[in-house]
């Protein structure tokens, strides 16, 4: 059996190391925090929806929807990125929410070109 040449081993090692560093760039933008949070029960209507993702997103290619309990879309302002953190999105509500269950639906495009989506509910008492 032939022994492996040192040059081959070095190339193999460099490939393994480069794959280790490339892996984080292959990640998708995951929702890390939301306000209101999933399954939250609020005593009053929030003034805004706020989201933090695991990486920066392309806001122009992202979508956020707020649905009432009858699956009717609620009026919300245009989403905006936080001035100091491109991972955070803020959306002002057009009017206070009445008591009920609401569903937040989101779909984002991360700066690395990957789309992710999700949804969650919260309640206003």
C-alpha atoms as a PDB file:
ATOM      1  CA  UNK A   1       0.000   0.000   0.000  1.00  0.00           C
ATOM      2  CA  UNK A   2       1.314   3.432  -0.931  1.00  0.00           C
ATOM      3  CA  UNK A   3       1.845   6.025   1.747  1.00  0.00           C
ATOM      4  CA  UNK A   4       0.125   9.424   1.363  1.00  0.00           C
ATOM      5  CA  UNK A   5       2.392  12.181   0.141  1.00  0.00           C
ATOM      6  CA  UNK A   6       2.846  15.231   2.401  1.00  0.00           C
ATOM      7  CA  UNK A   7       1.546  17.607  -0.320  1.00  0.00           C
ATOM      8  CA  UNK A   8      -1.673  15.592  -0.573  1.00  0.00           C
ATOM      9  CA  UNK A   9      -2.136  15.684   3.206  1.00  0.00           C
ATOM     10  CA  UNK A  10      -1.596  19.441   3.279  1.00  0.00           C
ATOM     11  CA  UNK A  11      -4.222  19.947   0.540  1.00  0.00           C
ATOM     12  CA  UNK A  12      -6.660  17.724   2.386  1.00  0.00           C
ATOM     13  CA  UNK A  13      -6.080  19.628   5.624  1.00  0.00           C
ATOM     14  CA  UNK A  14      -6.594  23.003   3.879  1.00  0.00           C
ATOM     15  CA  UNK A  15      -9.837  21.749   2.346  1.00  0.00           C
ATOM     16  CA  UNK A  16     -11.147  20.620   5.729  1.00  0.00           C
ATOM     17  CA  UNK A  17     -10.219  23.923   7.375  1.00  0.00           C
ATOM     18  CA  UNK A  18     -11.849  25.969   4.574  1.00  0.00           C
ATOM     19  CA  UNK A  19     -15.073  23.946   4.865  1.00  0.00           C
ATOM     20  CA  UNK A  20     -15.122  24.716   8.581  1.00  0.00           C
ATOM     21  CA  UNK A  21     -15.008  28.473   7.882  1.00  0.00           C
ATOM     22  CA  UNK A  22     -17.452  28.359   4.981  1.00  0.00           C
ATOM     23  CA  UNK A  23     -20.177  26.622   7.013  1.00  0.00           C
ATOM     24  CA  UNK A  24     -21.415  29.758   8.878  1.00  0.00           C
ATOM     25  CA  UNK A  25     -21.947  31.586   5.596  1.00  0.00           C
ATOM     26  CA  UNK A  26     -24.278  28.803   4.472  1.00  0.00           C
ATOM     27  CA  UNK A  27     -26.632  29.435   7.387  1.00  0.00           C
ATOM     28  CA  UNK A  28     -30.072  30.950   6.901  1.00  0.00           C
ATOM     29  CA  UNK A  29     -31.479  33.990   8.685  1.00  0.00           C
ATOM     30  CA  UNK A  30     -33.330  32.507  11.644  1.00  0.00           C
ATOM     31  CA  UNK A  31     -35.745  34.475  13.788  1.00  0.00           C
ATOM     32  CA  UNK A  32     -33.960  34.777  17.132  1.00  0.00           C
ATOM     33  CA  UNK A  33     -36.348  37.123  18.975  1.00  0.00           C
ATOM     34  CA  UNK A  34     -39.693  38.736  18.307  1.00  0.00           C
ATOM     35  CA  UNK A  35     -41.726  41.324  20.169  1.00  0.00           C
ATOM     36  CA  UNK A  36     -44.444  40.387  20.864  1.00  0.00           C
ATOM     37  CA  UNK A  37     -43.049  36.896  21.219  1.00  0.00           C
ATOM     38  CA  UNK A  38     -44.679  33.639  20.167  1.00  0.00           C
ATOM     39  CA  UNK A  39     -47.655  32.726  22.378  1.00  0.00           C
ATOM     40  CA  UNK A  40     -47.408  36.008  24.299  1.00  0.00           C
ATOM     41  CA  UNK A  41     -50.555  37.209  26.059  1.00  0.00           C
ATOM     42  CA  UNK A  42     -50.611  41.006  26.114  1.00  0.00           C
ATOM     43  CA  UNK A  43     -52.834  43.169  28.303  1.00  0.00           C
ATOM     44  CA  UNK A  44     -52.807  45.944  25.685  1.00  0.00           C
ATOM     45  CA  UNK A  45     -52.064  46.336  21.999  1.00  0.00           C
ATOM     46  CA  UNK A  46     -48.388  46.621  21.072  1.00  0.00           C
ATOM     47  CA  UNK A  47     -47.348  49.786  19.250  1.00  0.00           C
ATOM     48  CA  UNK A  48     -45.023  47.883  16.916  1.00  0.00           C
ATOM     49  CA  UNK A  49     -43.781  44.483  15.876  1.00  0.00           C
ATOM     50  CA  UNK A  50     -40.041  43.936  16.226  1.00  0.00           C
ATOM     51  CA  UNK A  51     -37.934  41.058  14.923  1.00  0.00           C
ATOM     52  CA  UNK A  52     -34.289  40.115  15.322  1.00  0.00           C
ATOM     53  CA  UNK A  53     -32.735  37.631  12.913  1.00  0.00           C
ATOM     54  CA  UNK A  54     -29.507  35.668  13.173  1.00  0.00           C
ATOM     55  CA  UNK A  55     -28.033  37.624  10.256  1.00  0.00           C
ATOM     56  CA  UNK A  56     -28.748  40.710   8.170  1.00  0.00           C
ATOM     57  CA  UNK A  57     -31.685  40.551   5.769  1.00  0.00           C
ATOM     58  CA  UNK A  58     -32.587  42.145   2.445  1.00  0.00           C
ATOM     59  CA  UNK A  59     -35.662  44.109   3.488  1.00  0.00           C
ATOM     60  CA  UNK A  60     -36.753  44.821  -0.094  1.00  0.00           C
ATOM     61  CA  UNK A  61     -37.152  41.090  -0.715  1.00  0.00           C
ATOM     62  CA  UNK A  62     -38.764  40.259   2.636  1.00  0.00           C
ATOM     63  CA  UNK A  63     -42.408  40.228   3.661  1.00  0.00           C
ATOM     64  CA  UNK A  64     -44.263  40.544   6.959  1.00  0.00           C
ATOM     65  CA  UNK A  65     -48.012  40.052   7.484  1.00  0.00           C
ATOM     66  CA  UNK A  66     -50.197  40.386  10.552  1.00  0.00           C
ATOM     67  CA  UNK A  67     -53.445  38.393  10.407  1.00  0.00           C
ATOM     68  CA  UNK A  68     -56.427  38.618  12.744  1.00  0.00           C
ATOM     69  CA  UNK A  69     -58.287  35.574  14.094  1.00  0.00           C
ATOM     70  CA  UNK A  70     -60.431  35.429  10.921  1.00  0.00           C
ATOM     71  CA  UNK A  71     -57.255  35.370   8.773  1.00  0.00           C
ATOM     72  CA  UNK A  72     -57.821  38.926   7.534  1.00  0.00           C
ATOM     73  CA  UNK A  73     -54.634  40.976   7.056  1.00  0.00           C
ATOM     74  CA  UNK A  74     -54.205  43.879   9.455  1.00  0.00           C
ATOM     75  CA  UNK A  75     -52.864  47.257   8.358  1.00  0.00           C
ATOM     76  CA  UNK A  76     -49.200  47.702   9.231  1.00  0.00           C
ATOM     77  CA  UNK A  77     -46.604  50.271   8.213  1.00  0.00           C
ATOM     78  CA  UNK A  78     -43.753  49.530   5.871  1.00  0.00           C
ATOM     79  CA  UNK A  79     -41.054  47.515   7.679  1.00  0.00           C
ATOM     80  CA  UNK A  80     -37.823  49.316   8.489  1.00  0.00           C
ATOM     81  CA  UNK A  81     -34.378  48.099   9.472  1.00  0.00           C
ATOM     82  CA  UNK A  82     -32.980  49.231  12.784  1.00  0.00           C
ATOM     83  CA  UNK A  83     -30.563  52.123  12.302  1.00  0.00           C
ATOM     84  CA  UNK A  84     -27.804  50.383  14.256  1.00  0.00           C
ATOM     85  CA  UNK A  85     -28.504  46.696  13.620  1.00  0.00           C
ATOM     86  CA  UNK A  86     -29.298  45.318  10.123  1.00  0.00           C
ATOM     87  CA  UNK A  87     -30.555  42.091  11.769  1.00  0.00           C
ATOM     88  CA  UNK A  88     -33.496  43.944  13.372  1.00  0.00           C
ATOM     89  CA  UNK A  89     -36.783  44.916  11.717  1.00  0.00           C
ATOM     90  CA  UNK A  90     -39.423  47.258  13.166  1.00  0.00           C
ATOM     91  CA  UNK A  91     -43.009  47.559  11.943  1.00  0.00           C
ATOM     92  CA  UNK A  92     -45.390  50.162  13.344  1.00  0.00           C
ATOM     93  CA  UNK A  93     -49.047  49.173  13.645  1.00  0.00           C
ATOM     94  CA  UNK A  94     -51.480  51.367  11.717  1.00  0.00           C
ATOM     95  CA  UNK A  95     -53.968  51.227  14.601  1.00  0.00           C
ATOM     96  CA  UNK A  96     -54.240  49.594  18.030  1.00  0.00           C
ATOM     97  CA  UNK A  97     -55.229  45.940  17.989  1.00  0.00           C
ATOM     98  CA  UNK A  98     -58.514  44.881  19.602  1.00  0.00           C
ATOM     99  CA  UNK A  99     -58.705  41.834  21.847  1.00  0.00           C
ATOM    100  CA  UNK A 100     -58.082  38.611  19.957  1.00  0.00           C
ATOM    101  CA  UNK A 101     -55.531  36.182  18.600  1.00  0.00           C
ATOM    102  CA  UNK A 102     -53.134  37.408  15.914  1.00  0.00           C
ATOM    103  CA  UNK A 103     -50.779  35.544  13.619  1.00  0.00           C
ATOM    104  CA  UNK A 104     -47.496  36.996  12.433  1.00  0.00           C
ATOM    105  CA  UNK A 105     -46.235  35.591   9.127  1.00  0.00           C
ATOM    106  CA  UNK A 106     -42.742  36.415   7.891  1.00  0.00           C
ATOM    107  CA  UNK A 107     -40.570  35.560   4.939  1.00  0.00           C
ATOM    108  CA  UNK A 108     -37.088  37.019   4.673  1.00  0.00           C
ATOM    109  CA  UNK A 109     -34.179  36.927   2.285  1.00  0.00           C
ATOM    110  CA  UNK A 110     -30.853  36.980   4.081  1.00  0.00           C
ATOM    111  CA  UNK A 111     -27.917  38.889   2.644  1.00  0.00           C
ATOM    112  CA  UNK A 112     -26.352  35.551   1.666  1.00  0.00           C
ATOM    113  CA  UNK A 113     -29.333  34.899  -0.651  1.00  0.00           C
ATOM    114  CA  UNK A 114     -31.229  32.276   1.366  1.00  0.00           C
ATOM    115  CA  UNK A 115     -34.972  32.592   2.055  1.00  0.00           C
ATOM    116  CA  UNK A 116     -36.542  31.539   5.324  1.00  0.00           C
ATOM    117  CA  UNK A 117     -40.067  31.886   6.627  1.00  0.00           C
ATOM    118  CA  UNK A 118     -42.173  31.236   9.662  1.00  0.00           C
ATOM    119  CA  UNK A 119     -45.200  32.244  11.651  1.00  0.00           C
ATOM    120  CA  UNK A 120     -46.383  32.492  15.234  1.00  0.00           C
ATOM    121  CA  UNK A 121     -49.392  33.669  17.246  1.00  0.00           C
ATOM    122  CA  UNK A 122     -49.870  36.113  20.087  1.00  0.00           C
ATOM    123  CA  UNK A 123     -52.960  37.271  21.971  1.00  0.00           C
ATOM    124  CA  UNK A 124     -54.215  40.706  22.993  1.00  0.00           C
ATOM    125  CA  UNK A 125     -56.588  40.585  25.997  1.00  0.00           C
END
